């Protein structure tokens, strides 16, 4: 929570992940272990390919930024 409001916004999450990528590495390792044990890596790979086709090779940071931009646009429209 960078601004002390008690919430972590998408922007704060993006900044944190960009500045501290190694902190999430254990979570990534756990994700990979779970994928291999649950349904199998082939199924997860197929789902990832579907997401990739849907989001056109955007990485998670770009997707979250796009979501944030869309949320900001909706908020701006509410106050017009």
C-alpha atoms as a PDB file:
ATOM      1  CA  UNK A   1       0.000   0.000   0.000  1.00  0.00           C
ATOM      2  CA  UNK A   2       2.103   2.840  -1.310  1.00  0.00           C
ATOM      3  CA  UNK A   3      -0.212   5.738  -0.472  1.00  0.00           C
ATOM      4  CA  UNK A   4      -1.346   4.498   2.958  1.00  0.00           C
ATOM      5  CA  UNK A   5      -5.054   4.207   2.118  1.00  0.00           C
ATOM      6  CA  UNK A   6      -5.243   0.592   3.318  1.00  0.00           C
ATOM      7  CA  UNK A   7      -5.709  -0.823  -0.200  1.00  0.00           C
ATOM      8  CA  UNK A   8      -3.331  -1.972  -2.905  1.00  0.00           C
ATOM      9  CA  UNK A   9      -4.439  -0.529  -6.231  1.00  0.00           C
ATOM     10  CA  UNK A  10      -3.557  -2.080  -9.569  1.00  0.00           C
ATOM     11  CA  UNK A  11      -1.044   0.707 -10.128  1.00  0.00           C
ATOM     12  CA  UNK A  12       0.619   0.013  -6.769  1.00  0.00           C
ATOM     13  CA  UNK A  13       0.663  -3.726  -7.556  1.00  0.00           C
ATOM     14  CA  UNK A  14       2.264  -3.082 -10.945  1.00  0.00           C
ATOM     15  CA  UNK A  15       4.927  -0.837  -9.460  1.00  0.00           C
ATOM     16  CA  UNK A  16       5.676  -3.329  -6.690  1.00  0.00           C
ATOM     17  CA  UNK A  17       6.005  -6.251  -9.099  1.00  0.00           C
ATOM     18  CA  UNK A  18       8.221  -4.288 -11.451  1.00  0.00           C
ATOM     19  CA  UNK A  19      10.524  -3.231  -8.611  1.00  0.00           C
ATOM     20  CA  UNK A  20      10.559  -6.559  -6.676  1.00  0.00           C
ATOM     21  CA  UNK A  21      10.107  -9.411  -9.205  1.00  0.00           C
ATOM     22  CA  UNK A  22      12.039 -11.942  -7.124  1.00  0.00           C
ATOM     23  CA  UNK A  23       9.538 -11.737  -4.275  1.00  0.00           C
ATOM     24  CA  UNK A  24       6.947 -13.453  -6.446  1.00  0.00           C
ATOM     25  CA  UNK A  25       9.300 -16.163  -7.695  1.00  0.00           C
ATOM     26  CA  UNK A  26       8.333 -18.675  -4.948  1.00  0.00           C
ATOM     27  CA  UNK A  27       4.669 -18.193  -5.893  1.00  0.00           C
ATOM     28  CA  UNK A  28       5.552 -18.890  -9.525  1.00  0.00           C
ATOM     29  CA  UNK A  29       7.366 -22.074  -8.491  1.00  0.00           C
ATOM     30  CA  UNK A  30       4.344 -23.185  -6.476  1.00  0.00           C
ATOM     31  CA  UNK A  31       2.064 -22.446  -9.405  1.00  0.00           C
ATOM     32  CA  UNK A  32       4.177 -24.662 -11.644  1.00  0.00           C
ATOM     33  CA  UNK A  33       4.142 -27.477  -9.074  1.00  0.00           C
ATOM     34  CA  UNK A  34       0.358 -27.246  -8.715  1.00  0.00           C
ATOM     35  CA  UNK A  35      -0.130 -27.248 -12.467  1.00  0.00           C
ATOM     36  CA  UNK A  36       1.856 -30.456 -12.800  1.00  0.00           C
ATOM     37  CA  UNK A  37      -0.216 -32.134 -10.057  1.00  0.00           C
ATOM     38  CA  UNK A  38      -3.666 -30.776 -10.995  1.00  0.00           C
ATOM     39  CA  UNK A  39      -4.974 -31.805 -14.412  1.00  0.00           C
ATOM     40  CA  UNK A  40      -1.434 -31.787 -15.825  1.00  0.00           C
ATOM     41  CA  UNK A  41       0.758 -29.256 -17.544  1.00  0.00           C
ATOM     42  CA  UNK A  42      -0.736 -29.976 -20.990  1.00  0.00           C
ATOM     43  CA  UNK A  43      -4.154 -28.674 -19.976  1.00  0.00           C
ATOM     44  CA  UNK A  44      -2.672 -25.560 -18.378  1.00  0.00           C
ATOM     45  CA  UNK A  45      -0.565 -24.959 -21.480  1.00  0.00           C
ATOM     46  CA  UNK A  46      -3.703 -25.158 -23.643  1.00  0.00           C
ATOM     47  CA  UNK A  47      -5.452 -22.616 -21.387  1.00  0.00           C
ATOM     48  CA  UNK A  48      -2.426 -20.344 -21.585  1.00  0.00           C
ATOM     49  CA  UNK A  49      -2.521 -20.539 -25.378  1.00  0.00           C
ATOM     50  CA  UNK A  50      -6.199 -19.555 -25.344  1.00  0.00           C
ATOM     51  CA  UNK A  51      -5.401 -16.557 -23.132  1.00  0.00           C
ATOM     52  CA  UNK A  52      -2.478 -15.618 -25.353  1.00  0.00           C
ATOM     53  CA  UNK A  53      -4.731 -15.664 -28.411  1.00  0.00           C
ATOM     54  CA  UNK A  54      -7.314 -13.568 -26.582  1.00  0.00           C
ATOM     55  CA  UNK A  55      -4.864 -10.977 -25.270  1.00  0.00           C
ATOM     56  CA  UNK A  56      -2.448 -11.016 -28.255  1.00  0.00           C
ATOM     57  CA  UNK A  57       0.822 -11.690 -26.460  1.00  0.00           C
ATOM     58  CA  UNK A  58       0.327  -9.032 -23.769  1.00  0.00           C
ATOM     59  CA  UNK A  59       2.116  -9.740 -20.534  1.00  0.00           C
ATOM     60  CA  UNK A  60       0.334  -9.515 -17.187  1.00  0.00           C
ATOM     61  CA  UNK A  61       1.550  -5.976 -16.611  1.00  0.00           C
ATOM     62  CA  UNK A  62       0.093  -4.801 -19.908  1.00  0.00           C
ATOM     63  CA  UNK A  63      -3.209  -6.572 -19.216  1.00  0.00           C
ATOM     64  CA  UNK A  64      -3.466  -4.997 -15.761  1.00  0.00           C
ATOM     65  CA  UNK A  65      -2.586  -1.568 -17.136  1.00  0.00           C
ATOM     66  CA  UNK A  66      -5.300  -1.985 -19.778  1.00  0.00           C
ATOM     67  CA  UNK A  67      -7.805  -2.966 -17.077  1.00  0.00           C
ATOM     68  CA  UNK A  68      -6.780   0.066 -15.027  1.00  0.00           C
ATOM     69  CA  UNK A  69      -7.195   2.355 -18.033  1.00  0.00           C
ATOM     70  CA  UNK A  70     -10.658   0.895 -18.676  1.00  0.00           C
ATOM     71  CA  UNK A  71     -11.632   1.382 -15.020  1.00  0.00           C
ATOM     72  CA  UNK A  72     -10.409   4.987 -15.125  1.00  0.00           C
ATOM     73  CA  UNK A  73     -12.412   5.625 -18.292  1.00  0.00           C
ATOM     74  CA  UNK A  74     -15.573   4.206 -16.681  1.00  0.00           C
ATOM     75  CA  UNK A  75     -15.033   6.363 -13.601  1.00  0.00           C
ATOM     76  CA  UNK A  76     -14.482   9.440 -15.769  1.00  0.00           C
ATOM     77  CA  UNK A  77     -17.721   8.729 -17.655  1.00  0.00           C
ATOM     78  CA  UNK A  78     -19.652   8.456 -14.381  1.00  0.00           C
ATOM     79  CA  UNK A  79     -18.599  11.981 -13.384  1.00  0.00           C
ATOM     80  CA  UNK A  80     -19.340  13.661 -16.723  1.00  0.00           C
END
